[in-house]
Amino acid sequence: MMQIFHEPNYQFISRRYIGFIFSGLLTLITIVTLIAHKGLRYSVDFKGGTLLEINFTSPIKTDELRAAFNNLAYGNVSIQQLSGGYDFIIRFETKGMSVSTDTTSNQVMQMLQSQIPNNQAKLVRIEMVGPRVGKELQKNALISVLIGMVLILFYVAIRFDFRFGTAAVIALTHDVFSTIGFVSITNTEFSVSIIAVLLTIIGFSVNNSIVIADRVRENKRKMLKDDLPTIINHSINQTLSRTVLTSFTVFMVAIILYFLGAASIKDFAKAMSFGIAIGTYSSIFVGAPIVAEFEKWMPSRRRRK
C-alpha cells in the first residue's frame, strides 16, 4: 500500500487532551450558532412549501426578481442566486398548499413573462411539499440517524469490546453534531441531501474507527509487554497513511462536485467535504483516544495482571 508517512511515531494518545479540548470547542460553537440562528434553516422538504429553479437567458438582479414575485399571493419568498445572475432557486410558502405543481409553475411563468418580458425564463425544476409530509420527514430522519448509531454500537461492541463500541458512537455523535454546526454556520438549508450526508459520514467514520480497532486487536497479540494506550498509539500510526489517503480521495471528489457539479448538489458536496474531514479527525483524535481514557479509569484484565 502507498505510504505517505514513513514509519510515523506521532504521540496521539499522550496529547489526546488537545484533541478533546478542540472537540469541546467545536461542540460549543455548534450550540452557540444553533441558538443564535434559532435552530436550523429547514428546506421545503421539512417545512412545507414550493421550490423552483429558474434559468434566464440574460443576467438579472435579485431585487428585480424579488419585486416580480411580490405580485404573487404567496408567503415569504427566499431567492438564492446560483451563477452570474442566470440561475436562481426560489423558495416560498404556497398558502393552503391546495394548488398543484402545474398550477403553481404556470402562474410563476406567466408572471415572469409579464413582469420581465425581455428576458426569457426557463423552469428547470419545481418541488412542492406539504407541512404534514415535512414533519414526517423530520421524524424519520432523526429515527434513521439514531438507529444507525445504535446498530453500530452493537456491531463494534460484539466484534471488539464495549469500550470500542462506546468510543465509536461518541465519535459518530461528535461528527454528526459538528456537521450540523457547519450547516448552521454556513446558513445552508437542512434538506434531505444533508440527511444523506449525515448517514454517509456515520458509515465512513465508523469504517475508519474499525480499521484502527482491528489493528489494535492484532497488536495486542504481538505487543504483550506494552500497555493498551501504547498499543493504540502504535496502531493509529500504522494505519495513518491508509486513513489519510482514503479520506483525501473522497474529500477531493466532494470538492470537485462542489465546484463542477450542478447547483442542486452543491450543498451536499459542501457538507460532505466538511464531514469527511471531521470524520477523519475524530477517528484519530477522538475515538481511539477515548478508549485509552477508558483504560486509564477502568483498566482491562490484561493490565491488572
Protein backbone atom coordinates (compact mmCIF):
# COMPACT_ATOMS: atom_id res chain seq x y z
CA MET A 1 0.00 0.00 0.00
CA MET A 2 1.14 3.52 -0.78
CA GLN A 3 2.70 5.23 2.25
CA ILE A 4 2.66 9.00 2.72
CA PHE A 5 4.07 8.70 6.25
CA HIS A 6 7.31 6.70 6.57
CA GLU A 7 7.24 4.84 9.89
CA PRO A 8 5.36 7.62 11.75
CA ASN A 9 5.60 7.78 15.52
CA TYR A 10 3.33 10.67 16.45
CA GLN A 11 2.22 10.81 20.08
CA PHE A 12 -1.55 10.96 19.56
CA ILE A 13 -2.52 9.34 22.85
CA SER A 14 -0.22 11.30 25.16
CA ARG A 15 -1.58 14.53 23.60
CA ARG A 16 -5.19 13.40 23.44
CA TYR A 17 -6.42 16.21 25.68
CA ILE A 18 -5.57 18.73 22.94
CA GLY A 19 -7.99 16.89 20.68
CA PHE A 20 -10.59 16.71 23.46
CA ILE A 21 -10.35 20.48 24.00
CA PHE A 22 -10.66 21.18 20.27
CA SER A 23 -13.71 18.90 20.03
CA GLY A 24 -15.22 20.63 23.05
CA LEU A 25 -14.77 23.99 21.31
CA LEU A 26 -16.43 22.62 18.15
CA THR A 27 -19.38 21.43 20.23
CA LEU A 28 -19.64 24.80 21.99
CA ILE A 29 -19.53 26.67 18.66
CA THR A 30 -22.27 24.41 17.29
CA ILE A 31 -24.51 25.04 20.29
CA VAL A 32 -23.94 28.80 20.13
CA THR A 33 -24.65 29.04 16.40
CA LEU A 34 -27.81 26.92 16.70
CA ILE A 35 -29.07 29.20 19.45
CA ALA A 36 -28.10 32.33 17.51
CA HIS A 37 -29.86 31.11 14.35
CA LYS A 38 -32.82 29.75 16.37
CA GLY A 39 -32.29 26.27 15.01
CA LEU A 40 -31.58 25.01 11.52
CA ARG A 41 -32.86 26.61 8.32
CA TYR A 42 -35.10 23.80 7.12
CA SER A 43 -35.78 23.40 3.41
CA VAL A 44 -39.20 22.85 1.88
CA ASP A 45 -38.54 19.11 2.33
CA PHE A 46 -39.15 19.55 6.06
CA LYS A 47 -41.06 22.82 6.37
CA GLY A 48 -43.52 22.57 3.53
CA GLY A 49 -43.72 24.91 0.57
CA THR A 50 -42.56 25.24 -3.01
CA LEU A 51 -39.06 25.26 -4.50
CA LEU A 52 -38.38 26.50 -8.03
CA GLU A 53 -35.14 26.51 -10.01
CA ILE A 54 -35.29 29.02 -12.86
CA ASN A 55 -32.82 29.81 -15.62
CA PHE A 56 -32.76 33.14 -17.51
CA THR A 57 -31.25 33.80 -20.92
CA SER A 58 -29.71 37.07 -19.64
CA PRO A 59 -28.43 38.10 -16.21
CA ILE A 60 -30.99 39.57 -13.83
CA LYS A 61 -30.66 41.21 -10.42
CA THR A 62 -32.05 39.51 -7.34
CA ASP A 63 -34.01 42.63 -6.31
CA GLU A 64 -35.72 42.76 -9.70
CA LEU A 65 -36.72 39.12 -9.41
CA ARG A 66 -37.94 39.62 -5.85
CA ALA A 67 -40.11 42.56 -6.92
CA ALA A 68 -41.70 40.37 -9.59
CA PHE A 69 -42.51 37.59 -7.11
CA ASN A 70 -44.11 40.04 -4.69
CA ASN A 71 -47.02 40.24 -7.12
CA LEU A 72 -47.92 36.61 -6.41
CA ALA A 73 -50.20 35.78 -3.48
CA TYR A 74 -47.65 33.55 -1.77
CA GLY A 75 -45.86 33.75 1.56
CA ASN A 76 -42.32 34.91 2.25
CA VAL A 77 -40.07 34.49 -0.78
CA SER A 78 -36.43 33.39 -0.48
CA ILE A 79 -34.26 33.90 -3.58
CA GLN A 80 -30.79 32.40 -3.99
CA GLN A 81 -28.59 33.34 -6.94
CA LEU A 82 -26.54 30.43 -8.24
CA SER A 83 -24.30 31.61 -11.09
CA GLY A 84 -23.80 35.01 -12.69
CA GLY A 85 -27.41 36.12 -12.43
CA TYR A 86 -28.64 33.43 -14.84
CA ASP A 87 -29.81 30.73 -12.41
CA PHE A 88 -31.87 31.15 -9.26
CA ILE A 89 -33.50 28.97 -6.65
CA ILE A 90 -36.75 30.47 -5.31
CA ARG A 91 -38.48 29.14 -2.22
CA PHE A 92 -41.82 30.25 -0.84
CA GLU A 93 -44.78 29.02 1.15
CA THR A 94 -47.79 28.22 -1.01
CA LYS A 95 -50.74 29.32 1.09
CA GLY A 96 -53.11 26.45 1.78
CA MET A 97 -50.92 24.03 -0.25
CA SER A 98 -54.03 23.14 -2.29
CA VAL A 99 -52.69 24.07 -5.73
CA SER A 100 -50.80 21.59 -7.89
CA THR A 101 -47.24 21.94 -9.16
CA ASP A 102 -48.61 22.50 -12.69
CA THR A 103 -50.82 25.36 -11.49
CA THR A 104 -48.01 26.94 -9.50
CA SER A 105 -45.47 26.63 -12.34
CA ASN A 106 -47.94 28.13 -14.84
CA GLN A 107 -48.67 31.06 -12.51
CA VAL A 108 -44.96 31.72 -11.99
CA MET A 109 -44.01 31.51 -15.67
CA GLN A 110 -46.90 33.76 -16.71
CA MET A 111 -45.92 36.27 -14.06
CA LEU A 112 -42.28 36.27 -15.18
CA GLN A 113 -43.29 36.68 -18.81
CA SER A 114 -45.42 39.74 -17.98
CA GLN A 115 -43.06 41.28 -15.40
CA ILE A 116 -39.77 40.57 -17.21
CA PRO A 117 -40.76 40.34 -20.89
CA ASN A 118 -37.26 40.97 -22.30
CA ASN A 119 -35.63 38.07 -20.50
CA GLN A 120 -36.88 34.58 -21.27
CA ALA A 121 -37.21 32.33 -18.21
CA LYS A 122 -37.00 28.54 -18.19
CA LEU A 123 -38.31 26.40 -15.35
CA VAL A 124 -35.62 23.84 -14.54
CA ARG A 125 -37.45 22.10 -11.70
CA ILE A 126 -40.28 22.51 -9.23
CA GLU A 127 -40.82 20.73 -5.91
CA MET A 128 -43.78 21.03 -3.58
CA VAL A 129 -44.02 19.58 -0.06
CA GLY A 130 -46.92 19.81 2.37
CA PRO A 131 -46.30 20.68 6.06
CA ARG A 132 -47.50 17.27 7.23
CA VAL A 133 -45.03 15.49 4.96
CA GLY A 134 -42.29 17.82 6.22
CA LYS A 135 -42.94 16.88 9.87
CA GLU A 136 -42.93 13.20 8.97
CA LEU A 137 -39.58 13.61 7.20
CA GLN A 138 -38.08 15.31 10.27
CA LYS A 139 -39.15 12.42 12.49
CA ASN A 140 -37.96 9.74 10.08
CA ALA A 141 -34.62 11.48 9.58
CA LEU A 142 -33.96 11.59 13.33
CA ILE A 143 -35.01 7.96 13.76
CA SER A 144 -32.76 6.78 10.91
CA VAL A 145 -29.70 8.51 12.38
CA LEU A 146 -30.38 7.15 15.89
CA ILE A 147 -30.97 3.60 14.63
CA GLY A 148 -27.72 3.76 12.66
CA MET A 149 -25.77 4.75 15.79
CA VAL A 150 -27.34 2.04 17.97
CA LEU A 151 -26.62 -0.69 15.40
CA ILE A 152 -23.03 0.50 15.09
CA LEU A 153 -22.65 0.38 18.89
CA PHE A 154 -23.80 -3.25 18.97
CA TYR A 155 -21.70 -4.28 15.98
CA VAL A 156 -18.44 -2.78 17.25
CA ALA A 157 -19.11 -3.96 20.82
CA ILE A 158 -19.62 -7.55 19.61
CA ARG A 159 -16.70 -7.57 17.19
CA PHE A 160 -14.24 -5.90 19.56
CA ASP A 161 -15.46 -4.86 23.02
CA PHE A 162 -17.95 -2.46 24.56
CA ARG A 163 -15.37 0.29 25.10
CA PHE A 164 -14.57 0.45 21.40
CA GLY A 165 -18.29 0.46 20.61
CA THR A 166 -18.96 3.29 23.04
CA ALA A 167 -16.00 5.30 21.76
CA ALA A 168 -17.14 4.80 18.14
CA VAL A 169 -20.64 6.10 18.95
CA ILE A 170 -19.20 9.10 20.82
CA ALA A 171 -17.02 9.87 17.78
CA LEU A 172 -20.02 9.49 15.44
CA THR A 173 -22.14 11.79 17.60
CA HIS A 174 -19.28 14.29 17.53
CA ASP A 175 -19.11 14.09 13.71
CA VAL A 176 -22.86 14.44 13.17
CA PHE A 177 -23.21 17.30 15.64
CA SER A 178 -20.19 19.14 14.23
CA THR A 179 -21.52 18.77 10.68
CA ILE A 180 -24.88 20.14 11.80
CA GLY A 181 -22.97 23.07 13.29
CA PHE A 182 -21.18 23.60 9.96
CA VAL A 183 -24.54 23.57 8.16
CA SER A 184 -25.86 26.17 10.62
CA ILE A 185 -22.75 28.40 10.47
CA THR A 186 -22.75 28.45 6.65
CA ASN A 187 -26.54 29.07 6.66
CA THR A 188 -27.02 26.02 4.44
CA GLU A 189 -30.54 24.67 4.11
CA PHE A 190 -31.14 21.47 6.04
CA SER A 191 -32.59 19.25 3.35
CA VAL A 192 -32.90 15.55 2.52
CA SER A 193 -29.46 15.72 0.89
CA ILE A 194 -27.95 16.82 4.22
CA ILE A 195 -29.54 13.78 5.87
CA ALA A 196 -27.78 11.68 3.22
CA VAL A 197 -24.52 13.43 4.18
CA LEU A 198 -25.01 12.61 7.88
CA LEU A 199 -25.72 8.94 7.18
CA THR A 200 -22.70 8.73 4.85
CA ILE A 201 -20.47 10.32 7.48
CA ILE A 202 -21.67 7.80 10.06
CA GLY A 203 -20.66 4.91 7.80
CA PHE A 204 -17.37 6.49 6.74
CA SER A 205 -16.31 7.47 10.25
CA VAL A 206 -17.08 4.10 11.79
CA ASN A 207 -15.11 2.43 8.99
CA ASN A 208 -12.01 4.41 10.00
CA SER A 209 -12.58 3.55 13.66
CA ILE A 210 -12.95 -0.15 12.86
CA VAL A 211 -9.67 -0.18 10.89
CA ILE A 212 -7.84 1.22 13.93
CA ALA A 213 -9.65 -1.12 16.33
CA ASP A 214 -8.80 -4.13 14.16
CA ARG A 215 -5.11 -3.15 14.17
CA VAL A 216 -5.25 -2.73 17.97
CA ARG A 217 -6.61 -6.26 18.29
CA GLU A 218 -3.77 -7.62 16.14
CA ASN A 219 -1.10 -5.69 18.05
CA LYS A 220 -2.40 -6.82 21.43
CA ARG A 221 -1.26 -10.34 20.49
CA LYS A 222 2.20 -9.10 19.47
CA MET A 223 2.95 -6.31 21.96
CA LEU A 224 2.44 -8.37 25.10
CA LYS A 225 4.70 -6.18 27.25
CA ASP A 226 3.07 -2.87 26.30
CA ASP A 227 0.03 -1.27 27.87
CA LEU A 228 -3.14 -0.53 25.89
CA PRO A 229 -2.53 3.23 25.32
CA THR A 230 0.88 2.42 23.79
CA ILE A 231 -0.69 -0.24 21.58
CA ILE A 232 -3.45 2.16 20.47
CA ASN A 233 -0.94 4.89 19.63
CA HIS A 234 1.16 2.44 17.62
CA SER A 235 -1.95 1.19 15.79
CA ILE A 236 -3.01 4.74 14.86
CA ASN A 237 0.43 5.41 13.40
CA GLN A 238 0.39 2.14 11.47
CA THR A 239 -2.96 2.93 9.83
CA LEU A 240 -2.32 6.67 9.41
CA SER A 241 -1.37 6.54 5.72
CA ARG A 242 -4.38 4.40 4.87
CA THR A 243 -6.75 6.67 6.80
CA VAL A 244 -5.45 9.90 5.28
CA LEU A 245 -5.26 8.55 1.71
CA THR A 246 -8.80 7.13 1.80
CA SER A 247 -10.24 10.30 3.29
CA PHE A 248 -8.31 12.56 0.94
CA THR A 249 -9.63 10.66 -2.10
CA VAL A 250 -13.25 11.07 -1.02
CA PHE A 251 -12.62 14.67 0.05
CA MET A 252 -11.27 15.58 -3.39
CA VAL A 253 -14.30 14.03 -5.09
CA ALA A 254 -16.61 16.10 -2.87
CA ILE A 255 -14.62 19.27 -3.64
CA ILE A 256 -14.82 18.60 -7.39
CA LEU A 257 -18.58 18.05 -7.09
CA TYR A 258 -18.90 21.37 -5.28
CA PHE A 259 -17.07 23.38 -7.94
CA LEU A 260 -18.12 21.49 -11.07
CA GLY A 261 -21.39 19.80 -10.09
CA ALA A 262 -24.93 21.01 -10.66
CA ALA A 263 -26.39 23.65 -8.37
CA SER A 264 -28.68 21.11 -6.72
CA ILE A 265 -25.69 19.08 -5.43
CA LYS A 266 -23.51 21.93 -4.12
CA ASP A 267 -24.96 21.88 -0.58
CA PHE A 268 -24.45 18.11 -0.43
CA ALA A 269 -20.84 18.40 -1.63
CA LYS A 270 -20.06 21.26 0.75
CA ALA A 271 -21.38 19.43 3.82
CA MET A 272 -19.77 16.18 2.69
CA SER A 273 -16.34 17.84 2.39
CA PHE A 274 -16.54 19.05 5.98
CA GLY A 275 -17.98 15.75 7.20
CA ILE A 276 -15.15 13.71 5.66
CA ALA A 277 -12.56 15.99 7.25
CA ILE A 278 -14.17 15.93 10.69
CA GLY A 279 -14.77 12.16 10.47
CA THR A 280 -11.10 11.52 9.74
CA TYR A 281 -10.08 13.80 12.60
CA SER A 282 -12.41 12.10 15.09
CA SER A 283 -11.24 8.56 14.33
CA ILE A 284 -7.66 9.62 15.17
CA PHE A 285 -8.11 12.27 17.86
CA VAL A 286 -11.45 11.33 19.48
CA GLY A 287 -12.50 7.68 19.07
CA ALA A 288 -9.26 5.78 19.77
CA PRO A 289 -8.07 8.23 22.48
CA ILE A 290 -11.37 7.75 24.33
CA VAL A 291 -10.61 4.01 24.54
CA ALA A 292 -7.24 4.91 26.06
CA GLU A 293 -9.05 7.15 28.55
CA PHE A 294 -11.38 4.28 29.44
CA GLU A 295 -8.30 2.13 30.08
CA LYS A 296 -6.97 4.77 32.46
CA TRP A 297 -10.11 4.78 34.62
CA MET A 298 -11.28 1.18 34.02
CA PRO A 299 -8.18 -1.00 33.43
CA SER A 300 -8.66 -4.15 31.41
CA ARG A 301 -7.87 -7.56 32.85
CA ARG A 302 -4.69 -7.68 30.80
CA ARG A 303 -3.37 -4.61 32.55
CA ARG A 304 -4.48 -5.68 36.03
CA LYS A 305 -2.50 -8.89 35.65
